[in-house]
Structures are given as structure tokens and as C-alpha cells.
Amino acid sequence: MRSSWGYVLRVMLWMITIGLIFAVGACGSQEGLGQSHGGTAAPTEPASPADSVSSPEVTSGPSRADWLPPKAEILAAFAALQDELPGLPVFVPGTLPPSATIEAGEDRTIGLAPARGAVCVSVPGGQVQFLLGVEGDVGDLPGLAVGTVEGAEALQYSVLGGTLVQWSVDGTWYGVFGAQVDADVVVDIALGMKRI
């Protein structure tokens, strides 16, 4: 009996360790872009603000009035996605904090859910990840209706220690995820997304 409990404990320890690795990394590499897993993120009924679990409040950047259109390097990353994913509508942020820069290196994304494309941007205090063609499900996690993105209802979720705002256009799911970024900042960025 003791050896089977030892095995169970070792498996649980490995599962917790792997979960922490995904949760701790603000941006890690995402493999398998373009693979279909058959699932789509289906939001549940919107929750009231009291039901929402808040993420850690860590940043306070410049006032939203000081935000600017994205820099050329950020727009170029979205243009490259548009070329790589013909026929898939691509959304770009309307404005970002002035110090926002593209995340260096390969596509750096957290293990939130497989996506057909992603762009990761550094903002004051953390990272914001733009996901296109999200393939996954937030499960039974209640979403909080926060507005619309180009007419599509946007729902906010607290996941992996950050904030996810997700919406769907023509059956394709999109998301903006902020790690170590104030939830209001993530929502403002998401609601300002424009289809190109």
C-alpha cells in the first residue's frame, strides 16, 4: 500500500510542478501553432463584479490619455500574422502605453491555450499577449462582460494569475492576456482592438 501512495504523491508533485512552471512564466514558448484540438473557448454566463476573482495589481503606467498608437515594430508583428494566416481576421491594439515594445526573441507566449497566432508585447510592469484563433476552453470559469470589441461581446476572466479578455468573430476566438498588468489596463487594451 505504501508504494502506491508514494507513486501517487510523486505524480501529484510532478503535476503541481508543471502547473507552476506554466503559471510563473509571463511568456514562454508556444509550440504547435496551427494545430486543431477541436475545442473553442465558450464563455459562460457573465458574472457580476462581486463574482470576479481579481488578479494581482502590479502596474500603474502612464495615464490612458498618454497612450499612443502601436509602434511600427508592433504593427509589423501583426502584419506578419496577417500574412501567415490568410483569411483569419486580425485585430491590432488601437493604443498602448508609450513604452510598449515587442517581446524579444521567438514568439513568446504563455501556455494559456493553443492559438493559431500570437504577439507578445512588454508594457510597464509586465507583458500583454495578443492571441488569434484561440483553441481551448476556460471551462466553467465565469466571465465578466466588460464591453465589445468591434461589436463582439468581450468577457473578462481571471486565469493563471493574470487577466484574459476574450471575444469571438465568425466562430474564431481572440484574446488579450495580461500577466503582472492591472486588469483595467488589459480590459482597456482589449476594448480598443481594431480589425485590420
N, C-alpha and C. Protein backbone atom coordinates (compact mmCIF):
# COMPACT_ATOMS: atom_id res chain seq x y z
N MET A 1 0.82 -1.19 0.00
CA MET A 1 0.00 0.00 0.00
C MET A 1 0.87 1.25 0.00
N ARG A 2 1.95 1.20 0.77
CA ARG A 2 2.81 2.37 0.88
C ARG A 2 3.41 2.76 -0.47
N SER A 3 3.82 1.78 -1.29
CA SER A 3 4.44 2.10 -2.57
C SER A 3 3.45 2.75 -3.53
N SER A 4 2.18 2.36 -3.51
CA SER A 4 1.21 3.00 -4.40
C SER A 4 0.95 4.44 -3.97
N TRP A 5 0.93 4.72 -2.65
CA TRP A 5 0.78 6.11 -2.19
C TRP A 5 1.98 6.94 -2.60
N GLY A 6 3.17 6.35 -2.54
CA GLY A 6 4.37 7.06 -2.95
C GLY A 6 4.30 7.44 -4.42
N TYR A 7 3.81 6.53 -5.24
CA TYR A 7 3.67 6.81 -6.66
C TYR A 7 2.67 7.94 -6.89
N VAL A 8 1.53 7.88 -6.21
CA VAL A 8 0.51 8.91 -6.35
C VAL A 8 1.07 10.27 -5.93
N LEU A 9 1.80 10.30 -4.83
CA LEU A 9 2.38 11.57 -4.37
C LEU A 9 3.40 12.11 -5.37
N ARG A 10 4.23 11.22 -5.94
CA ARG A 10 5.21 11.67 -6.94
C ARG A 10 4.50 12.25 -8.17
N VAL A 11 3.45 11.59 -8.64
CA VAL A 11 2.70 12.08 -9.80
C VAL A 11 2.08 13.43 -9.49
N MET A 12 1.48 13.56 -8.31
CA MET A 12 0.87 14.84 -7.93
C MET A 12 1.92 15.94 -7.86
N LEU A 13 3.10 15.63 -7.31
CA LEU A 13 4.18 16.62 -7.22
C LEU A 13 4.60 17.07 -8.61
N TRP A 14 4.74 16.14 -9.54
CA TRP A 14 5.11 16.50 -10.92
C TRP A 14 4.04 17.37 -11.56
N MET A 15 2.77 17.03 -11.35
CA MET A 15 1.69 17.81 -11.94
C MET A 15 1.68 19.23 -11.38
N ILE A 16 1.89 19.37 -10.09
CA ILE A 16 1.94 20.70 -9.48
C ILE A 16 3.12 21.48 -10.01
N THR A 17 4.28 20.82 -10.12
CA THR A 17 5.48 21.49 -10.63
C THR A 17 5.27 21.99 -12.06
N ILE A 18 4.71 21.15 -12.90
CA ILE A 18 4.47 21.55 -14.29
C ILE A 18 3.47 22.70 -14.34
N GLY A 19 2.42 22.63 -13.53
CA GLY A 19 1.44 23.73 -13.47
C GLY A 19 2.08 25.03 -13.04
N LEU A 20 2.98 24.96 -12.07
CA LEU A 20 3.66 26.18 -11.60
C LEU A 20 4.58 26.75 -12.67
N ILE A 21 5.23 25.89 -13.43
CA ILE A 21 6.11 26.38 -14.49
C ILE A 21 5.30 27.21 -15.49
N PHE A 22 4.11 26.73 -15.86
CA PHE A 22 3.27 27.48 -16.79
C PHE A 22 2.73 28.75 -16.16
N ALA A 23 2.41 28.70 -14.88
CA ALA A 23 1.82 29.86 -14.22
C ALA A 23 2.84 30.94 -13.93
N VAL A 24 4.09 30.56 -13.62
CA VAL A 24 5.10 31.54 -13.23
C VAL A 24 5.62 32.31 -14.43
N GLY A 25 5.82 31.66 -15.55
CA GLY A 25 6.37 32.33 -16.72
C GLY A 25 5.38 33.31 -17.31
N ALA A 26 5.76 34.56 -17.43
CA ALA A 26 4.87 35.54 -18.04
C ALA A 26 4.71 35.24 -19.51
N CYS A 27 5.81 34.87 -20.15
CA CYS A 27 5.76 34.49 -21.55
C CYS A 27 6.73 33.34 -21.74
N GLY A 28 6.25 32.19 -22.19
CA GLY A 28 7.08 31.04 -22.51
C GLY A 28 6.82 30.65 -23.94
N SER A 29 7.58 29.74 -24.50
CA SER A 29 7.38 29.44 -25.92
C SER A 29 6.11 28.64 -26.12
N GLN A 30 5.46 28.90 -27.24
CA GLN A 30 4.21 28.22 -27.62
C GLN A 30 4.52 27.40 -28.85
N GLU A 31 4.34 26.09 -28.77
CA GLU A 31 4.58 25.25 -29.92
C GLU A 31 3.27 24.75 -30.48
N GLY A 32 3.32 24.28 -31.69
CA GLY A 32 2.15 23.66 -32.28
C GLY A 32 1.12 24.65 -32.78
N LEU A 33 1.55 25.85 -33.16
CA LEU A 33 0.58 26.79 -33.69
C LEU A 33 -0.04 26.19 -34.94
N GLY A 34 -1.31 26.35 -35.09
CA GLY A 34 -2.00 25.83 -36.26
C GLY A 34 -2.59 24.45 -36.03
N GLN A 35 -2.28 23.80 -34.90
CA GLN A 35 -2.88 22.51 -34.63
C GLN A 35 -4.29 22.71 -34.12
N SER A 36 -5.17 21.89 -34.58
CA SER A 36 -6.55 21.99 -34.12
C SER A 36 -6.79 20.95 -33.04
N HIS A 37 -7.38 21.39 -31.96
CA HIS A 37 -7.70 20.49 -30.87
C HIS A 37 -9.20 20.32 -30.74
N GLY A 38 -9.94 20.87 -31.68
CA GLY A 38 -11.37 20.66 -31.73
C GLY A 38 -12.18 21.47 -30.73
N GLY A 39 -11.55 22.17 -29.82
CA GLY A 39 -12.30 22.92 -28.83
C GLY A 39 -12.27 24.40 -29.12
N THR A 40 -13.29 25.08 -28.69
CA THR A 40 -13.29 26.53 -28.76
C THR A 40 -13.61 27.06 -27.39
N ALA A 41 -13.13 28.23 -27.11
CA ALA A 41 -13.42 28.82 -25.81
C ALA A 41 -14.85 29.30 -25.83
N ALA A 42 -15.67 28.73 -25.01
CA ALA A 42 -17.07 29.10 -24.96
C ALA A 42 -17.34 29.77 -23.62
N PRO A 43 -17.58 31.08 -23.65
CA PRO A 43 -17.80 31.76 -22.38
C PRO A 43 -19.10 31.30 -21.72
N THR A 44 -19.08 31.34 -20.40
CA THR A 44 -20.27 31.01 -19.65
C THR A 44 -21.04 32.28 -19.39
N GLU A 45 -22.11 32.19 -18.62
CA GLU A 45 -22.90 33.39 -18.32
C GLU A 45 -22.02 34.43 -17.66
N PRO A 46 -22.19 35.70 -18.04
CA PRO A 46 -21.41 36.75 -17.41
C PRO A 46 -21.67 36.77 -15.91
N ALA A 47 -20.61 37.00 -15.17
CA ALA A 47 -20.71 37.06 -13.72
C ALA A 47 -20.83 38.51 -13.28
N SER A 48 -21.26 38.69 -12.07
CA SER A 48 -21.30 40.04 -11.52
C SER A 48 -19.89 40.40 -11.06
N PRO A 49 -19.58 41.69 -10.91
CA PRO A 49 -18.24 42.07 -10.45
C PRO A 49 -17.88 41.42 -9.12
N ALA A 50 -18.85 41.15 -8.27
CA ALA A 50 -18.56 40.53 -6.98
C ALA A 50 -18.09 39.09 -7.15
N ASP A 51 -18.48 38.42 -8.26
CA ASP A 51 -18.07 37.05 -8.51
C ASP A 51 -16.68 36.96 -9.11
N SER A 52 -16.17 38.05 -9.62
CA SER A 52 -14.89 38.04 -10.31
C SER A 52 -13.75 37.93 -9.31
N VAL A 53 -12.77 37.10 -9.66
CA VAL A 53 -11.57 36.98 -8.84
C VAL A 53 -10.55 37.94 -9.42
N SER A 54 -10.08 38.86 -8.61
CA SER A 54 -9.16 39.86 -9.15
C SER A 54 -7.76 39.30 -9.22
N SER A 55 -7.00 39.81 -10.18
CA SER A 55 -5.61 39.42 -10.33
C SER A 55 -4.75 40.39 -9.53
N PRO A 56 -3.50 40.02 -9.29
CA PRO A 56 -2.64 40.91 -8.53
C PRO A 56 -2.50 42.26 -9.23
N GLU A 57 -2.62 43.31 -8.47
CA GLU A 57 -2.48 44.66 -9.01
C GLU A 57 -1.01 45.03 -8.92
N VAL A 58 -0.33 45.11 -10.07
CA VAL A 58 1.09 45.36 -10.00
C VAL A 58 1.57 46.55 -10.79
N THR A 59 0.82 47.04 -11.74
CA THR A 59 1.35 48.13 -12.53
C THR A 59 0.51 49.37 -12.42
N SER A 60 1.17 50.45 -12.56
CA SER A 60 0.48 51.72 -12.77
C SER A 60 1.34 52.45 -13.76
N GLY A 61 0.92 52.48 -14.98
CA GLY A 61 1.69 53.11 -16.03
C GLY A 61 1.16 54.51 -16.28
N PRO A 62 1.52 55.05 -17.42
CA PRO A 62 1.04 56.38 -17.74
C PRO A 62 -0.48 56.39 -17.90
N SER A 63 -1.05 57.55 -17.75
CA SER A 63 -2.49 57.72 -17.92
C SER A 63 -2.90 57.25 -19.31
N ARG A 64 -4.12 56.70 -19.42
CA ARG A 64 -4.61 56.23 -20.73
C ARG A 64 -4.61 57.36 -21.76
N ALA A 65 -4.77 58.60 -21.28
CA ALA A 65 -4.76 59.74 -22.19
C ALA A 65 -3.40 59.91 -22.86
N ASP A 66 -2.35 59.36 -22.25
CA ASP A 66 -1.00 59.45 -22.81
C ASP A 66 -0.66 58.30 -23.75
N TRP A 67 -1.55 57.33 -23.87
CA TRP A 67 -1.28 56.18 -24.73
C TRP A 67 -1.22 56.63 -26.18
N LEU A 68 -0.47 55.87 -26.98
CA LEU A 68 -0.24 56.19 -28.39
C LEU A 68 -0.58 54.99 -29.27
N PRO A 69 -0.77 55.22 -30.58
CA PRO A 69 -0.91 54.08 -31.48
C PRO A 69 0.35 53.20 -31.38
N PRO A 70 0.21 51.90 -31.64
CA PRO A 70 1.36 51.00 -31.52
C PRO A 70 2.52 51.43 -32.41
N LYS A 71 3.74 51.16 -31.94
CA LYS A 71 4.95 51.45 -32.71
C LYS A 71 5.00 50.56 -33.94
N ALA A 72 5.83 50.95 -34.90
CA ALA A 72 5.95 50.23 -36.17
C ALA A 72 6.33 48.77 -35.96
N GLU A 73 7.23 48.48 -35.00
CA GLU A 73 7.66 47.09 -34.78
C GLU A 73 6.49 46.21 -34.31
N ILE A 74 5.59 46.79 -33.52
CA ILE A 74 4.43 46.03 -33.05
C ILE A 74 3.45 45.81 -34.20
N LEU A 75 3.19 46.85 -34.98
CA LEU A 75 2.31 46.70 -36.14
C LEU A 75 2.87 45.70 -37.14
N ALA A 76 4.20 45.67 -37.29
CA ALA A 76 4.83 44.72 -38.21
C ALA A 76 4.59 43.28 -37.76
N ALA A 77 4.59 43.03 -36.45
CA ALA A 77 4.33 41.68 -35.95
C ALA A 77 2.90 41.24 -36.29
N PHE A 78 1.94 42.16 -36.18
CA PHE A 78 0.56 41.82 -36.54
C PHE A 78 0.42 41.65 -38.05
N ALA A 79 1.13 42.46 -38.83
CA ALA A 79 1.09 42.33 -40.29
C ALA A 79 1.65 40.97 -40.71
N ALA A 80 2.71 40.52 -40.03
CA ALA A 80 3.28 39.21 -40.33
C ALA A 80 2.26 38.10 -40.05
N LEU A 81 1.51 38.24 -38.96
CA LEU A 81 0.46 37.26 -38.66
C LEU A 81 -0.61 37.25 -39.74
N GLN A 82 -0.95 38.44 -40.23
CA GLN A 82 -1.96 38.53 -41.28
C GLN A 82 -1.48 37.80 -42.53
N ASP A 83 -0.18 37.90 -42.83
CA ASP A 83 0.38 37.19 -43.98
C ASP A 83 0.42 35.68 -43.75
N GLU A 84 0.73 35.27 -42.50
CA GLU A 84 0.84 33.85 -42.17
C GLU A 84 -0.53 33.16 -42.09
N LEU A 85 -1.56 33.93 -41.77
CA LEU A 85 -2.89 33.36 -41.54
C LEU A 85 -3.92 33.99 -42.47
N PRO A 86 -3.77 33.78 -43.79
CA PRO A 86 -4.71 34.41 -44.71
C PRO A 86 -6.13 33.95 -44.43
N GLY A 87 -7.05 34.90 -44.52
CA GLY A 87 -8.46 34.59 -44.28
C GLY A 87 -8.88 34.72 -42.83
N LEU A 88 -7.92 34.78 -41.92
CA LEU A 88 -8.25 34.94 -40.50
C LEU A 88 -8.23 36.42 -40.17
N PRO A 89 -9.36 36.97 -39.70
CA PRO A 89 -9.33 38.38 -39.31
C PRO A 89 -8.29 38.61 -38.22
N VAL A 90 -7.55 39.69 -38.34
CA VAL A 90 -6.51 40.04 -37.37
C VAL A 90 -6.91 41.35 -36.71
N PHE A 91 -6.76 41.40 -35.40
CA PHE A 91 -7.05 42.60 -34.62
C PHE A 91 -5.75 43.16 -34.08
N VAL A 92 -5.61 44.49 -34.11
CA VAL A 92 -4.44 45.16 -33.55
C VAL A 92 -4.90 46.14 -32.47
N PRO A 93 -4.04 46.41 -31.51
CA PRO A 93 -4.43 47.39 -30.48
C PRO A 93 -4.52 48.79 -31.08
N GLY A 94 -5.53 49.54 -30.64
CA GLY A 94 -5.68 50.92 -31.10
C GLY A 94 -4.64 51.83 -30.46
N THR A 95 -4.42 51.65 -29.16
CA THR A 95 -3.41 52.42 -28.43
C THR A 95 -2.76 51.52 -27.39
N LEU A 96 -1.55 51.90 -27.01
CA LEU A 96 -0.78 51.19 -25.99
C LEU A 96 0.00 52.21 -25.17
N PRO A 97 0.48 51.81 -23.99
CA PRO A 97 1.38 52.72 -23.27
C PRO A 97 2.57 53.07 -24.16
N PRO A 98 3.08 54.30 -24.08
CA PRO A 98 4.15 54.72 -24.99
C PRO A 98 5.41 53.88 -24.92
N SER A 99 5.68 53.23 -23.79
CA SER A 99 6.90 52.43 -23.66
C SER A 99 6.71 50.99 -24.12
N ALA A 100 5.55 50.64 -24.65
CA ALA A 100 5.30 49.26 -25.09
C ALA A 100 6.25 48.88 -26.22
N THR A 101 6.83 47.68 -26.10
CA THR A 101 7.75 47.16 -27.13
C THR A 101 7.42 45.70 -27.39
N ILE A 102 7.79 45.24 -28.57
CA ILE A 102 7.58 43.84 -28.91
C ILE A 102 8.50 43.01 -28.02
N GLU A 103 8.04 41.88 -27.57
CA GLU A 103 8.85 40.99 -26.72
C GLU A 103 9.93 40.37 -27.59
N ALA A 104 11.18 40.45 -27.14
CA ALA A 104 12.32 39.97 -27.92
C ALA A 104 12.30 38.46 -28.09
N GLY A 105 12.94 37.99 -29.14
CA GLY A 105 13.08 36.56 -29.36
C GLY A 105 11.95 36.00 -30.19
N GLU A 106 11.84 34.67 -30.12
CA GLU A 106 10.78 33.99 -30.86
C GLU A 106 9.43 34.39 -30.28
N ASP A 107 8.36 33.92 -30.92
CA ASP A 107 7.03 34.16 -30.36
C ASP A 107 7.06 33.67 -28.92
N ARG A 108 6.89 34.58 -27.99
CA ARG A 108 6.94 34.22 -26.57
C ARG A 108 5.54 34.35 -26.00
N THR A 109 4.94 33.21 -25.73
CA THR A 109 3.58 33.21 -25.20
C THR A 109 3.49 32.23 -24.05
N ILE A 110 2.60 32.50 -23.13
CA ILE A 110 2.40 31.57 -22.02
C ILE A 110 1.60 30.38 -22.49
N GLY A 111 1.50 29.37 -21.68
CA GLY A 111 0.76 28.16 -22.03
C GLY A 111 -0.72 28.29 -21.72
N LEU A 112 -1.33 29.43 -22.05
CA LEU A 112 -2.74 29.66 -21.76
C LEU A 112 -3.62 28.71 -22.56
N ALA A 113 -3.47 28.69 -23.84
CA ALA A 113 -4.22 27.81 -24.73
C ALA A 113 -3.54 27.86 -26.08
N PRO A 114 -3.61 26.77 -26.83
CA PRO A 114 -3.05 26.84 -28.18
C PRO A 114 -3.77 27.93 -28.97
N ALA A 115 -3.01 28.63 -29.78
CA ALA A 115 -3.58 29.67 -30.64
C ALA A 115 -2.91 29.57 -32.00
N ARG A 116 -3.62 30.00 -33.02
CA ARG A 116 -3.05 29.95 -34.37
C ARG A 116 -2.01 31.03 -34.57
N GLY A 117 -2.06 32.07 -33.76
CA GLY A 117 -1.07 33.14 -33.85
C GLY A 117 -1.04 33.94 -32.56
N ALA A 118 0.11 34.53 -32.26
CA ALA A 118 0.22 35.32 -31.03
C ALA A 118 1.30 36.38 -31.18
N VAL A 119 1.09 37.49 -30.49
CA VAL A 119 2.09 38.56 -30.40
C VAL A 119 2.21 38.90 -28.92
N CYS A 120 3.43 38.99 -28.42
CA CYS A 120 3.66 39.31 -27.01
C CYS A 120 4.36 40.67 -26.94
N VAL A 121 3.81 41.57 -26.11
CA VAL A 121 4.31 42.94 -26.00
C VAL A 121 4.63 43.24 -24.54
N SER A 122 5.79 43.85 -24.30
CA SER A 122 6.15 44.31 -22.95
C SER A 122 5.51 45.66 -22.71
N VAL A 123 4.89 45.81 -21.55
CA VAL A 123 4.30 47.08 -21.12
C VAL A 123 4.84 47.34 -19.72
N PRO A 124 4.67 48.55 -19.18
CA PRO A 124 5.20 48.82 -17.85
C PRO A 124 4.75 47.78 -16.82
N GLY A 125 5.72 47.07 -16.25
CA GLY A 125 5.44 46.12 -15.19
C GLY A 125 5.13 44.71 -15.61
N GLY A 126 4.91 44.43 -16.89
CA GLY A 126 4.55 43.07 -17.28
C GLY A 126 4.47 42.90 -18.78
N GLN A 127 3.69 41.91 -19.19
CA GLN A 127 3.52 41.60 -20.61
C GLN A 127 2.04 41.51 -20.94
N VAL A 128 1.73 41.85 -22.19
CA VAL A 128 0.39 41.67 -22.73
C VAL A 128 0.55 40.78 -23.96
N GLN A 129 -0.29 39.77 -24.02
CA GLN A 129 -0.22 38.79 -25.09
C GLN A 129 -1.50 38.88 -25.91
N PHE A 130 -1.36 38.96 -27.22
CA PHE A 130 -2.50 39.04 -28.13
C PHE A 130 -2.61 37.68 -28.83
N LEU A 131 -3.74 37.00 -28.64
CA LEU A 131 -3.94 35.65 -29.15
C LEU A 131 -4.98 35.67 -30.27
N LEU A 132 -4.66 35.02 -31.38
CA LEU A 132 -5.55 34.94 -32.53
C LEU A 132 -5.88 33.49 -32.81
N GLY A 133 -7.15 33.18 -32.95
CA GLY A 133 -7.54 31.80 -33.22
C GLY A 133 -7.29 30.90 -32.02
N VAL A 134 -7.75 31.32 -30.84
CA VAL A 134 -7.54 30.55 -29.61
C VAL A 134 -8.29 29.24 -29.71
N GLU A 135 -7.61 28.15 -29.39
CA GLU A 135 -8.20 26.82 -29.40
C GLU A 135 -8.14 26.29 -27.98
N GLY A 136 -9.20 26.42 -27.26
CA GLY A 136 -9.21 25.96 -25.88
C GLY A 136 -10.49 26.36 -25.21
N ASP A 137 -10.57 26.09 -23.94
CA ASP A 137 -11.79 26.34 -23.20
C ASP A 137 -11.41 26.81 -21.81
N VAL A 138 -12.08 27.84 -21.33
CA VAL A 138 -11.84 28.31 -19.97
C VAL A 138 -12.67 27.52 -18.97
N GLY A 139 -13.32 26.47 -19.43
CA GLY A 139 -14.09 25.60 -18.55
C GLY A 139 -15.30 26.30 -17.96
N ASP A 140 -15.54 26.06 -16.69
CA ASP A 140 -16.71 26.63 -16.03
C ASP A 140 -16.41 27.98 -15.40
N LEU A 141 -15.28 28.55 -15.69
CA LEU A 141 -14.90 29.84 -15.12
C LEU A 141 -15.88 30.90 -15.62
N PRO A 142 -16.51 31.63 -14.70
CA PRO A 142 -17.47 32.65 -15.15
C PRO A 142 -16.75 33.85 -15.74
N GLY A 143 -17.28 34.34 -16.85
CA GLY A 143 -16.73 35.53 -17.48
C GLY A 143 -17.53 36.76 -17.10
N LEU A 144 -16.85 37.87 -17.01
CA LEU A 144 -17.48 39.15 -16.67
C LEU A 144 -17.58 39.98 -17.94
N ALA A 145 -18.78 40.33 -18.37
CA ALA A 145 -18.96 41.15 -19.57
C ALA A 145 -18.36 42.52 -19.31
N VAL A 146 -17.44 42.95 -20.20
CA VAL A 146 -16.74 44.23 -20.00
C VAL A 146 -16.96 45.21 -21.14
N GLY A 147 -17.67 44.82 -22.18
CA GLY A 147 -17.90 45.71 -23.32
C GLY A 147 -17.86 44.92 -24.61
N THR A 148 -17.51 45.61 -25.70
CA THR A 148 -17.44 44.96 -27.00
C THR A 148 -16.15 45.30 -27.71
N VAL A 149 -15.74 44.39 -28.59
CA VAL A 149 -14.61 44.61 -29.49
C VAL A 149 -15.18 44.54 -30.89
N GLU A 150 -15.23 45.69 -31.56
CA GLU A 150 -15.79 45.75 -32.92
C GLU A 150 -17.16 45.06 -32.98
N GLY A 151 -18.00 45.28 -31.98
CA GLY A 151 -19.35 44.75 -31.96
C GLY A 151 -19.50 43.37 -31.32
N ALA A 152 -18.41 42.68 -31.03
CA ALA A 152 -18.48 41.35 -30.41
C ALA A 152 -18.34 41.48 -28.89
N GLU A 153 -19.21 40.76 -28.15
CA GLU A 153 -19.16 40.83 -26.69
C GLU A 153 -17.81 40.34 -26.18
N ALA A 154 -17.21 41.10 -25.27
CA ALA A 154 -15.92 40.74 -24.67
C ALA A 154 -16.15 40.35 -23.21
N LEU A 155 -15.56 39.22 -22.82
CA LEU A 155 -15.67 38.73 -21.45
C LEU A 155 -14.30 38.69 -20.80
N GLN A 156 -14.25 39.08 -19.54
CA GLN A 156 -13.01 39.09 -18.77
C GLN A 156 -12.96 37.87 -17.85
N TYR A 157 -11.78 37.23 -17.79
CA TYR A 157 -11.55 36.09 -16.91
C TYR A 157 -10.28 36.34 -16.11
N SER A 158 -10.24 35.84 -14.89
CA SER A 158 -9.01 35.84 -14.10
C SER A 158 -8.44 34.43 -14.18
N VAL A 159 -7.31 34.28 -14.89
CA VAL A 159 -6.69 32.97 -15.09
C VAL A 159 -5.18 33.08 -14.97
N LEU A 160 -4.56 32.03 -14.48
CA LEU A 160 -3.10 31.93 -14.39
C LEU A 160 -2.46 33.17 -13.77
N GLY A 161 -3.12 33.76 -12.79
CA GLY A 161 -2.56 34.93 -12.12
C GLY A 161 -2.62 36.19 -12.94
N GLY A 162 -3.36 36.19 -14.01
CA GLY A 162 -3.47 37.37 -14.87
C GLY A 162 -4.91 37.59 -15.30
N THR A 163 -5.07 38.44 -16.30
CA THR A 163 -6.40 38.79 -16.80
C THR A 163 -6.48 38.45 -18.28
N LEU A 164 -7.54 37.75 -18.66
CA LEU A 164 -7.81 37.42 -20.06
C LEU A 164 -9.11 38.09 -20.46
N VAL A 165 -9.09 38.80 -21.59
CA VAL A 165 -10.32 39.32 -22.19
C VAL A 165 -10.45 38.59 -23.52
N GLN A 166 -11.62 37.96 -23.74
CA GLN A 166 -11.81 37.11 -24.91
C GLN A 166 -13.10 37.49 -25.64
N TRP A 167 -13.07 37.38 -26.98
CA TRP A 167 -14.25 37.64 -27.81
C TRP A 167 -14.18 36.73 -29.03
N SER A 168 -15.31 36.61 -29.73
CA SER A 168 -15.38 35.73 -30.88
C SER A 168 -15.92 36.49 -32.08
N VAL A 169 -15.32 36.23 -33.24
CA VAL A 169 -15.79 36.79 -34.50
C VAL A 169 -15.86 35.65 -35.51
N ASP A 170 -17.04 35.44 -36.08
CA ASP A 170 -17.25 34.39 -37.08
C ASP A 170 -16.74 33.04 -36.60
N GLY A 171 -16.95 32.71 -35.32
CA GLY A 171 -16.55 31.42 -34.78
C GLY A 171 -15.09 31.31 -34.40
N THR A 172 -14.31 32.36 -34.60
CA THR A 172 -12.90 32.36 -34.23
C THR A 172 -12.74 33.16 -32.94
N TRP A 173 -11.99 32.59 -31.99
CA TRP A 173 -11.80 33.24 -30.69
C TRP A 173 -10.50 34.03 -30.65
N TYR A 174 -10.57 35.20 -30.03
CA TYR A 174 -9.44 36.10 -29.87
C TYR A 174 -9.30 36.42 -28.39
N GLY A 175 -8.09 36.76 -27.97
CA GLY A 175 -7.91 37.11 -26.57
C GLY A 175 -6.76 38.06 -26.36
N VAL A 176 -6.86 38.84 -25.29
CA VAL A 176 -5.77 39.68 -24.82
C VAL A 176 -5.52 39.24 -23.38
N PHE A 177 -4.29 38.78 -23.09
CA PHE A 177 -3.94 38.30 -21.77
C PHE A 177 -2.84 39.17 -21.19
N GLY A 178 -3.03 39.63 -19.97
CA GLY A 178 -2.02 40.43 -19.29
C GLY A 178 -1.49 39.72 -18.08
N ALA A 179 -0.17 39.58 -18.01
CA ALA A 179 0.50 39.00 -16.85
C ALA A 179 1.20 40.12 -16.11
N GLN A 180 0.95 40.25 -14.83
CA GLN A 180 1.53 41.29 -13.98
C GLN A 180 1.14 42.68 -14.47
N VAL A 181 -0.05 42.78 -15.03
CA VAL A 181 -0.57 44.04 -15.54
C VAL A 181 -1.95 44.25 -14.91
N ASP A 182 -2.25 45.47 -14.50
CA ASP A 182 -3.53 45.79 -13.89
C ASP A 182 -4.67 45.34 -14.82
N ALA A 183 -5.69 44.72 -14.25
CA ALA A 183 -6.82 44.20 -15.04
C ALA A 183 -7.48 45.30 -15.87
N ASP A 184 -7.59 46.51 -15.33
CA ASP A 184 -8.20 47.61 -16.08
C ASP A 184 -7.39 47.95 -17.34
N VAL A 185 -6.07 47.83 -17.25
CA VAL A 185 -5.21 48.10 -18.41
C VAL A 185 -5.48 47.05 -19.49
N VAL A 186 -5.56 45.78 -19.10
CA VAL A 186 -5.82 44.71 -20.07
C VAL A 186 -7.18 44.92 -20.74
N VAL A 187 -8.19 45.25 -19.94
CA VAL A 187 -9.53 45.49 -20.50
C VAL A 187 -9.50 46.66 -21.47
N ASP A 188 -8.85 47.77 -21.09
CA ASP A 188 -8.78 48.93 -21.98
C ASP A 188 -8.08 48.60 -23.29
N ILE A 189 -6.99 47.85 -23.22
CA ILE A 189 -6.28 47.45 -24.45
C ILE A 189 -7.20 46.59 -25.31
N ALA A 190 -7.85 45.60 -24.70
CA ALA A 190 -8.72 44.69 -25.45
C ALA A 190 -9.88 45.42 -26.11
N LEU A 191 -10.54 46.31 -25.37
CA LEU A 191 -11.70 47.01 -25.93
C LEU A 191 -11.30 47.99 -27.03
N GLY A 192 -10.02 48.33 -27.10
CA GLY A 192 -9.53 49.22 -28.15
C GLY A 192 -9.01 48.50 -29.38
N MET A 193 -9.14 47.16 -29.42
CA MET A 193 -8.64 46.39 -30.56
C MET A 193 -9.43 46.74 -31.82
N LYS A 194 -8.72 46.84 -32.94
CA LYS A 194 -9.32 47.18 -34.24
C LYS A 194 -9.00 46.08 -35.25
N ARG A 195 -10.00 45.72 -36.03
CA ARG A 195 -9.81 44.71 -37.08
C ARG A 195 -9.09 45.34 -38.26
N ILE A 196 -8.06 44.63 -38.77
CA ILE A 196 -7.36 45.14 -39.96
C ILE A 196 -7.65 44.25 -41.15
